[in-house]
Protein backbone atom coordinates (compact mmCIF):
# COMPACT_ATOMS: atom_id res chain seq x y z
CA MET A 1 4.92 -19.70 7.93
CA ASP A 2 3.34 -18.22 4.80
CA TYR A 3 -0.08 -19.24 6.10
CA TRP A 4 0.36 -16.94 9.12
CA LEU A 5 2.02 -14.10 7.22
CA THR A 6 -0.57 -13.90 4.44
CA PRO A 7 -3.17 -11.91 6.44
CA TRP A 8 -0.48 -9.52 7.64
CA ARG A 9 0.84 -9.01 4.12
CA THR A 10 -2.70 -8.53 2.83
CA ALA A 11 -3.46 -5.89 5.46
CA LEU A 12 -0.19 -4.13 4.71
CA THR A 13 -0.92 -4.16 0.97
CA ILE A 14 -4.43 -2.79 1.49
CA THR A 15 -3.11 -0.05 3.76
CA ALA A 16 -0.41 0.93 1.24
CA ALA A 17 -2.93 0.88 -1.60
CA THR A 18 -5.35 3.07 0.33
CA LEU A 19 -2.60 5.53 1.17
CA GLU A 20 -1.38 5.69 -2.42
CA THR A 21 -4.90 6.17 -3.77
CA THR A 22 -5.61 8.90 -1.22
CA LEU A 23 -2.39 10.73 -2.07
CA VAL A 24 -3.08 10.57 -5.81
CA ILE A 25 -6.60 11.91 -5.32
CA GLN A 26 -5.38 14.69 -3.01
CA LYS A 27 -2.66 15.74 -5.45
CA SER A 28 -5.10 15.62 -8.33
CA LEU A 29 -7.73 17.68 -6.54
CA ALA A 30 -5.13 20.18 -5.36
CA GLY A 31 -3.93 20.53 -8.94
CA ILE A 32 -7.45 21.04 -10.24
CA ALA A 33 -8.73 23.54 -7.71
CA GLY A 34 -5.44 25.19 -6.80
CA PHE A 35 -4.48 25.90 -3.23
CA GLY A 36 -6.47 29.11 -3.07
CA GLY A 37 -9.51 27.54 -4.67
CA THR A 38 -9.78 30.35 -7.23
CA ASP A 39 -8.51 28.48 -10.29
CA THR A 40 -11.13 27.32 -12.74
CA PHE A 41 -11.35 23.68 -13.72
CA ASP A 42 -8.96 22.99 -16.53
CA GLU A 43 -9.87 20.13 -18.85
CA ASN A 44 -6.26 18.96 -19.14
CA ARG A 45 -5.77 18.91 -15.38
CA LEU A 46 -9.02 17.04 -14.92
CA ARG A 47 -7.99 14.49 -17.56
CA ASP A 48 -4.59 14.01 -15.89
CA ALA A 49 -6.23 13.54 -12.51
CA PHE A 50 -8.61 10.96 -13.95
CA HIS A 51 -5.75 9.07 -15.63
CA ALA A 52 -3.70 9.07 -12.42
CA ALA A 53 -6.63 7.72 -10.40
CA ALA A 54 -7.41 5.10 -13.08
CA ASP A 55 -3.76 3.98 -13.11
CA VAL A 56 -3.77 3.48 -9.35
CA ASN A 57 -7.08 1.63 -9.59
CA LEU A 58 -5.76 -0.77 -12.24
CA ARG A 59 -2.63 -1.50 -10.21
CA ARG A 60 -4.79 -2.26 -7.16
CA TRP A 61 -6.95 -4.68 -9.18
CA GLY A 62 -3.75 -6.36 -10.39
CA ASP A 63 -2.60 -6.73 -6.78
CA THR A 64 -5.99 -8.17 -5.87
CA ALA A 65 -5.78 -10.74 -8.70
CA GLU A 66 -2.30 -11.80 -7.57
CA MET A 67 -3.50 -12.13 -3.99
CA ILE A 68 -6.48 -14.29 -5.03
CA GLN A 69 -4.23 -16.55 -7.12
CA SER A 70 -1.84 -17.00 -4.20
CA LEU A 71 -4.59 -18.37 -1.94
CA PRO A 72 -4.48 -22.09 -1.12
CA GLY A 73 -5.95 -24.44 -3.71
CA TRP A 74 -8.79 -25.66 -1.51
CA LEU A 75 -10.26 -22.15 -1.46
CA HIS A 76 -10.41 -22.13 -5.25
CA ASP A 77 -12.44 -25.36 -5.18
CA PHE A 78 -15.45 -23.43 -3.91
CA THR A 79 -15.62 -21.47 -7.15
CA ASN A 80 -15.68 -24.70 -9.20
CA MET A 81 -18.74 -26.12 -7.43
CA PRO A 82 -22.28 -25.68 -8.74
CA GLY A 83 -23.91 -22.65 -7.19
CA ASP A 84 -26.53 -24.51 -5.20
CA VAL A 85 -24.17 -26.86 -3.32
CA LEU A 86 -23.30 -24.44 -0.54
CA THR A 87 -26.81 -23.02 -0.23
CA ASP A 88 -28.33 -26.52 -0.05
CA TRP A 89 -25.77 -27.53 2.59
CA PHE A 90 -26.50 -24.39 4.62
CA ASP A 91 -30.27 -24.83 4.33
CA ALA A 92 -30.02 -28.48 5.42
CA ALA A 93 -27.88 -27.51 8.40
CA ARG A 94 -30.35 -24.79 9.43
CA ARG A 95 -33.34 -27.13 9.08
CA HIS A 96 -31.58 -29.72 11.24
CA HIS A 97 -30.72 -27.03 13.81
CA ASP A 98 -34.26 -25.60 13.91
CA VAL A 99 -35.91 -28.99 14.50
């Protein structure tokens, strides 16, 4: 069951992360420029906006790391292979197909 729900959960997480990031950026930009657009850039507001965006970014990378670790073990085996194994296999398959 988890095998079938993983893509759905991943899509839901990405959508929520995108929404949260967008809201943080909108709030930060609205705080910097003001609603009328006449306020000057304030260094403290700009710093707060940067920290808010960086915080959201770090949380998203943490979610990504958890998602990668929750993948099945056989997918992690590809990262343990020497780099030329997959390219050699692909090249051999293409050469056989082209002949």
